[in-house]
C-alpha atoms as a PDB file:
ATOM      1  CA  MET A   1      71.195 138.233 113.940  1.00  0.00           C
ATOM      2  CA  ILE A   2      69.491 138.300 110.887  1.00  0.00           C
ATOM      3  CA  GLN A   3      71.164 136.166 107.710  1.00  0.00           C
ATOM      4  CA  ASP A   4      70.051 136.122 104.137  1.00  0.00           C
ATOM      5  CA  ILE A   5      68.791 132.763 102.823  1.00  0.00           C
ATOM      6  CA  PHE A   6      67.669 132.091  99.220  1.00  0.00           C
ATOM      7  CA  PRO A   7      69.658 135.276  97.583  1.00  0.00           C
ATOM      8  CA  VAL A   8      68.717 135.004  94.032  1.00  0.00           C
ATOM      9  CA  PRO A   9      71.211 136.825  91.435  1.00  0.00           C
ATOM     10  CA  VAL A  10      70.001 138.943  88.396  1.00  0.00           C
ATOM     11  CA  GLY A  11      72.802 140.160  85.773  1.00  0.00           C
ATOM     12  CA  VAL A  12      71.924 143.643  84.028  1.00  0.00           C
ATOM     13  CA  TYR A  13      74.509 145.211  81.571  1.00  0.00           C
ATOM     14  CA  LYS A  14      74.706 147.626  78.971  1.00  0.00           C
ATOM     15  CA  LEU A  15      75.814 146.289  75.757  1.00  0.00           C
ATOM     16  CA  ASP A  16      76.958 148.440  72.197  1.00  0.00           C
ATOM     17  CA  ALA A  17      75.209 146.926  69.537  1.00  0.00           C
ATOM     18  CA  ASP A  18      74.147 148.239  66.451  1.00  0.00           C
ATOM     19  CA  LEU A  19      70.244 148.798  66.826  1.00  0.00           C
ATOM     20  CA  ASP A  20      69.634 150.011  63.688  1.00  0.00           C
ATOM     21  CA  THR A  21      70.573 147.055  61.785  1.00  0.00           C
ATOM     22  CA  ILE A  22      69.472 144.379  64.695  1.00  0.00           C
ATOM     23  CA  GLN A  23      65.845 146.028  64.305  1.00  0.00           C
ATOM     24  CA  ARG A  24      65.679 146.047  60.619  1.00  0.00           C
ATOM     25  CA  TRP A  25      66.460 142.664  60.388  1.00  0.00           C
ATOM     26  CA  CYS A  26      63.782 141.786  63.539  1.00  0.00           C
ATOM     27  CA  TYR A  27      61.403 143.048  60.936  1.00  0.00           C
ATOM     28  CA  SER A  28      62.418 141.388  58.178  1.00  0.00           C
ATOM     29  CA  GLU A  29      62.287 138.066  60.070  1.00  0.00           C
ATOM     30  CA  ALA A  30      58.893 139.215  61.151  1.00  0.00           C
ATOM     31  CA  GLN A  31      57.561 139.327  57.284  1.00  0.00           C
ATOM     32  CA  LYS A  32      58.566 135.662  57.003  1.00  0.00           C
ATOM     33  CA  THR A  33      56.462 133.657  59.349  1.00  0.00           C
ATOM     34  CA  GLU A  34      53.619 134.012  61.604  1.00  0.00           C
ATOM     35  CA  GLY A  35      55.614 133.323  64.154  1.00  0.00           C
ATOM     36  CA  ARG A  36      54.405 131.537  67.677  1.00  0.00           C
ATOM     37  CA  THR A  37      52.291 131.860  70.987  1.00  0.00           C
ATOM     38  CA  TYR A  38      54.171 130.848  74.138  1.00  0.00           C
ATOM     39  CA  SER A  39      53.683 133.555  76.834  1.00  0.00           C
ATOM     40  CA  ASN A  40      52.850 136.418  74.309  1.00  0.00           C
ATOM     41  CA  SER A  41      49.815 138.112  73.681  1.00  0.00           C
ATOM     42  CA  GLY A  42      49.122 140.830  70.982  1.00  0.00           C
ATOM     43  CA  GLY A  43      52.450 140.646  69.576  1.00  0.00           C
ATOM     44  CA  TRP A  44      55.001 138.295  67.351  1.00  0.00           C
ATOM     45  CA  GLN A  45      57.070 136.198  68.555  1.00  0.00           C
ATOM     46  CA  SER A  46      59.487 134.306  66.039  1.00  0.00           C
ATOM     47  CA  ASN A  47      60.208 130.769  66.076  1.00  0.00           C
ATOM     48  CA  SER A  48      63.526 129.455  68.076  1.00  0.00           C
ATOM     49  CA  TYR A  49      67.012 130.347  66.439  1.00  0.00           C
ATOM     50  CA  TYR A  50      69.399 127.755  67.201  1.00  0.00           C
ATOM     51  CA  PRO A  51      73.631 128.593  67.772  1.00  0.00           C
ATOM     52  CA  ASP A  52      73.793 127.822  63.969  1.00  0.00           C
ATOM     53  CA  ASP A  53      70.865 129.891  62.699  1.00  0.00           C
ATOM     54  CA  ILE A  54      72.648 132.863  64.629  1.00  0.00           C
ATOM     55  CA  GLU A  55      76.140 132.894  62.981  1.00  0.00           C
ATOM     56  CA  ASP A  56      75.276 134.855  60.003  1.00  0.00           C
ATOM     57  CA  THR A  57      72.864 137.393  60.964  1.00  0.00           C
ATOM     58  CA  PRO A  58      73.330 140.860  63.294  1.00  0.00           C
ATOM     59  CA  LEU A  59      72.864 139.068  66.389  1.00  0.00           C
ATOM     60  CA  ARG A  60      75.914 137.137  66.275  1.00  0.00           C
ATOM     61  CA  GLY A  61      77.959 139.836  68.215  1.00  0.00           C
ATOM     62  CA  VAL A  62      75.000 140.434  70.908  1.00  0.00           C
ATOM     63  CA  PHE A  63      75.487 136.502  71.123  1.00  0.00           C
ATOM     64  CA  TYR A  64      79.026 136.740  71.723  1.00  0.00           C
ATOM     65  CA  ASP A  65      78.445 139.679  74.665  1.00  0.00           C
ATOM     66  CA  VAL A  66      75.510 137.264  76.199  1.00  0.00           C
ATOM     67  CA  LYS A  67      78.362 134.163  76.512  1.00  0.00           C
ATOM     68  CA  LYS A  68      80.679 136.648  78.223  1.00  0.00           C
ATOM     69  CA  CYS A  69      78.411 138.162  80.563  1.00  0.00           C
ATOM     70  CA  ALA A  70      76.328 134.916  81.538  1.00  0.00           C
ATOM     71  CA  PHE A  71      80.015 133.975  83.104  1.00  0.00           C
ATOM     72  CA  GLU A  72      79.134 136.237  86.247  1.00  0.00           C
ATOM     73  CA  ILE A  73      75.853 134.834  86.581  1.00  0.00           C
ATOM     74  CA  TYR A  74      77.139 131.248  86.338  1.00  0.00           C
ATOM     75  CA  LYS A  75      79.472 131.673  88.734  1.00  0.00           C
ATOM     76  CA  ALA A  76      77.191 133.348  91.426  1.00  0.00           C
ATOM     77  CA  LEU A  77      74.631 130.007  90.826  1.00  0.00           C
ATOM     78  CA  GLY A  78      77.371 127.569  91.048  1.00  0.00           C
ATOM     79  CA  ILE A  79      77.247 126.191  87.485  1.00  0.00           C
ATOM     80  CA  LYS A  80      80.574 124.989  86.687  1.00  0.00           C
ATOM     81  CA  ASN A  81      79.729 124.416  82.539  1.00  0.00           C
ATOM     82  CA  GLU A  82      80.625 126.923  79.971  1.00  0.00           C
ATOM     83  CA  PRO A  83      77.572 128.873  78.923  1.00  0.00           C
ATOM     84  CA  LEU A  84      75.766 127.865  75.726  1.00  0.00           C
ATOM     85  CA  VAL A  85      73.439 129.974  74.250  1.00  0.00           C
ATOM     86  CA  TRP A  86      70.683 127.142  73.179  1.00  0.00           C
ATOM     87  CA  ASP A  87      67.781 128.613  71.628  1.00  0.00           C
ATOM     88  CA  SER A  88      66.453 132.208  70.966  1.00  0.00           C
ATOM     89  CA  TRP A  89      63.722 134.336  69.438  1.00  0.00           C
ATOM     90  CA  ILE A  90      62.358 137.399  68.612  1.00  0.00           C
ATOM     91  CA  ASN A  91      59.808 139.322  70.285  1.00  0.00           C
ATOM     92  CA  ILE A  92      57.732 142.072  68.582  1.00  0.00           C
ATOM     93  CA  ASN A  93      55.248 143.798  70.978  1.00  0.00           C
ATOM     94  CA  PRO A  94      53.324 146.648  69.511  1.00  0.00           C
ATOM     95  CA  TYR A  95      50.354 149.044  72.000  1.00  0.00           C
ATOM     96  CA  GLY A  96      49.178 146.414  74.081  1.00  0.00           C
ATOM     97  CA  GLY A  97      51.331 143.518  73.830  1.00  0.00           C
ATOM     98  CA  TYR A  98      52.668 141.750  76.897  1.00  0.00           C
ATOM     99  CA  ASN A  99      53.578 138.371  77.886  1.00  0.00           C
ATOM    100  CA  ARG A 100      51.920 136.132  80.753  1.00  0.00           C
ATOM    101  CA  VAL A 101      53.732 135.034  83.990  1.00  0.00           C
ATOM    102  CA  HIS A 102      56.006 132.275  82.919  1.00  0.00           C
ATOM    103  CA  VAL A 103      59.492 130.392  83.739  1.00  0.00           C
ATOM    104  CA  HIS A 104      61.916 129.157  81.298  1.00  0.00           C
ATOM    105  CA  PRO A 105      61.900 125.077  81.629  1.00  0.00           C
ATOM    106  CA  LYS A 106      64.875 122.808  80.789  1.00  0.00           C
ATOM    107  CA  CYS A 107      67.581 125.548  80.954  1.00  0.00           C
ATOM    108  CA  ARG A 108      69.683 126.965  83.231  1.00  0.00           C
ATOM    109  CA  VAL A 109      70.240 130.457  82.579  1.00  0.00           C
ATOM    110  CA  ALA A 110      67.394 132.879  80.944  1.00  0.00           C
ATOM    111  CA  GLY A 111      67.791 136.505  79.351  1.00  0.00           C
ATOM    112  CA  ALA A 112      66.316 139.436  77.394  1.00  0.00           C
ATOM    113  CA  PHE A 113      67.954 141.836  75.461  1.00  0.00           C
ATOM    114  CA  TRP A 114      66.208 145.150  74.421  1.00  0.00           C
ATOM    115  CA  ILE A 115      66.342 146.398  70.711  1.00  0.00           C
ATOM    116  CA  LYS A 116      63.897 148.617  70.479  1.00  0.00           C
ATOM    117  CA  SER A 117      62.017 150.651  73.741  1.00  0.00           C
ATOM    118  CA  THR A 118      60.701 154.234  74.763  1.00  0.00           C
ATOM    119  CA  ASN A 119      63.698 153.478  77.112  1.00  0.00           C
ATOM    120  CA  THR A 120      60.437 154.112  80.060  1.00  0.00           C
ATOM    121  CA  MET A 121      58.050 151.929  81.823  1.00  0.00           C
ATOM    122  CA  ARG A 122      55.705 152.997  79.339  1.00  0.00           C
ATOM    123  CA  SER A 123      57.539 150.424  77.128  1.00  0.00           C
ATOM    124  CA  GLY A 124      56.522 147.532  79.314  1.00  0.00           C
ATOM    125  CA  ASN A 125      58.832 146.842  82.629  1.00  0.00           C
ATOM    126  CA  LEU A 126      60.418 143.185  82.774  1.00  0.00           C
ATOM    127  CA  THR A 127      58.466 141.856  85.948  1.00  0.00           C
ATOM    128  CA  PHE A 128      59.566 138.864  88.559  1.00  0.00           C
ATOM    129  CA  VAL A 129      57.147 137.532  90.597  1.00  0.00           C
ATOM    130  CA  ARG A 130      58.055 136.069  93.912  1.00  0.00           C
ATOM    131  CA  ASN A 131      56.655 132.480  94.235  1.00  0.00           C
ATOM    132  CA  ASN A 132      55.101 132.973  97.400  1.00  0.00           C
ATOM    133  CA  SER A 133      54.278 136.403  96.914  1.00  0.00           C
ATOM    134  CA  TYR A 134      50.406 135.668  98.797  1.00  0.00           C
ATOM    135  CA  GLU A 135      51.995 134.256 102.115  1.00  0.00           C
ATOM    136  CA  VAL A 136      54.562 136.983 102.137  1.00  0.00           C
ATOM    137  CA  GLU A 137      51.835 139.693 102.067  1.00  0.00           C
ATOM    138  CA  SER A 138      49.587 137.998 104.462  1.00  0.00           C
ATOM    139  CA  ILE A 139      52.326 138.637 107.292  1.00  0.00           C
ATOM    140  CA  VAL A 140      53.833 141.808 106.560  1.00  0.00           C
ATOM    141  CA  ASP A 141      52.700 145.412 106.506  1.00  0.00           C
ATOM    142  CA  ASP A 142      55.087 147.238 104.205  1.00  0.00           C
ATOM    143  CA  ASN A 143      56.132 144.885 101.114  1.00  0.00           C
ATOM    144  CA  LYS A 144      59.246 147.381 100.029  1.00  0.00           C
ATOM    145  CA  ASN A 145      62.132 145.866 102.005  1.00  0.00           C
ATOM    146  CA  LYS A 146      64.077 143.530 100.694  1.00  0.00           C
ATOM    147  CA  TYR A 147      62.667 140.659 102.648  1.00  0.00           C
ATOM    148  CA  SER A 148      59.225 141.185 101.794  1.00  0.00           C
ATOM    149  CA  ARG A 149      58.768 142.520  98.430  1.00  0.00           C
ATOM    150  CA  THR A 150      56.683 140.553  96.332  1.00  0.00           C
ATOM    151  CA  ILE A 151      57.823 141.865  92.900  1.00  0.00           C
ATOM    152  CA  ALA A 152      60.928 142.958  91.270  1.00  0.00           C
ATOM    153  CA  THR A 153      60.940 145.137  87.659  1.00  0.00           C
ATOM    154  CA  TYR A 154      63.003 146.438  85.063  1.00  0.00           C
ATOM    155  CA  GLU A 155      62.705 149.030  82.353  1.00  0.00           C
ATOM    156  CA  PRO A 156      63.259 147.741  78.768  1.00  0.00           C
ATOM    157  CA  HIS A 157      66.133 149.746  77.941  1.00  0.00           C
ATOM    158  CA  GLU A 158      67.575 149.821  74.945  1.00  0.00           C
ATOM    159  CA  ASN A 159      71.165 147.903  74.550  1.00  0.00           C
ATOM    160  CA  ASN A 160      70.483 146.313  77.999  1.00  0.00           C
ATOM    161  CA  LEU A 161      70.528 142.723  78.589  1.00  0.00           C
ATOM    162  CA  ILE A 162      69.510 141.002  81.569  1.00  0.00           C
ATOM    163  CA  LEU A 163      70.154 137.475  82.771  1.00  0.00           C
ATOM    164  CA  PHE A 164      68.485 135.668  85.487  1.00  0.00           C
ATOM    165  CA  PRO A 165      67.768 132.013  86.477  1.00  0.00           C
ATOM    166  CA  ALA A 166      65.444 129.898  84.292  1.00  0.00           C
ATOM    167  CA  TYR A 167      63.422 129.319  87.431  1.00  0.00           C
ATOM    168  CA  LEU A 168      62.390 132.564  88.106  1.00  0.00           C
ATOM    169  CA  GLN A 169      58.621 133.415  87.513  1.00  0.00           C
ATOM    170  CA  HIS A 170      58.138 136.737  85.369  1.00  0.00           C
ATOM    171  CA  HIS A 171      55.923 138.584  83.135  1.00  0.00           C
ATOM    172  CA  VAL A 172      56.163 141.316  80.670  1.00  0.00           C
ATOM    173  CA  GLU A 173      53.644 144.103  81.204  1.00  0.00           C
ATOM    174  CA  GLN A 174      51.621 145.866  78.600  1.00  0.00           C
ATOM    175  CA  ASN A 175      53.288 148.120  76.090  1.00  0.00           C
ATOM    176  CA  GLN A 176      51.438 151.285  76.629  1.00  0.00           C
ATOM    177  CA  SER A 177      53.935 153.669  74.072  1.00  0.00           C
ATOM    178  CA  ASP A 178      52.721 154.064  70.255  1.00  0.00           C
ATOM    179  CA  GLU A 179      56.343 152.482  69.435  1.00  0.00           C
ATOM    180  CA  ASP A 180      56.995 148.564  69.165  1.00  0.00           C
ATOM    181  CA  ARG A 181      59.089 147.200  71.684  1.00  0.00           C
ATOM    182  CA  ILE A 182      61.526 145.150  70.307  1.00  0.00           C
ATOM    183  CA  SER A 183      63.628 142.512  72.488  1.00  0.00           C
ATOM    184  CA  VAL A 184      65.706 139.163  71.713  1.00  0.00           C
ATOM    185  CA  SER A 185      64.924 136.293  74.626  1.00  0.00           C
ATOM    186  CA  PHE A 186      67.109 133.317  74.816  1.00  0.00           C
ATOM    187  CA  ASN A 187      67.561 130.279  77.227  1.00  0.00           C
ATOM    188  CA  LEU A 188      71.212 129.179  78.244  1.00  0.00           C
ATOM    189  CA  LEU A 189      72.301 125.667  79.037  1.00  0.00           C
END
């Protein structure tokens, strides 16, 4: 009998945030600072926002929803603490912008919330990469089933929230559209 081992939960949720107001706020934040470069290339990433920084921003309601949704993945992962969004940052990626493969150290769960997108893969998918993809590909003939696939992708849809274990390697594919892709990413303790 075949048994599943090492399953990985990923939470996908549809929120109902006022994206126009959040989008305007994101662009105004981008005018205030040069931002930083971590995994991003060809786009702008804000410096970190901490819990108190979010209180008087349009993201306050989003982070309330993130915390509500995070209880489900915390339970699935066996995390007993109450979810806490520790830090967050804005990503604005124009045509050609992307994020290199990375993980989120020093936290338990990471996530992304899409604020502006074409709602297609042209805006750049969020792609998870299996750590042992080379080894898997060397033994299988077809990497399209749940045991042998080496990547999992999610299209960036506006008002979608995705939560995942912080140790999952991932990257954001290049934005191939003429519209900016705007998201907010965050780490939860």
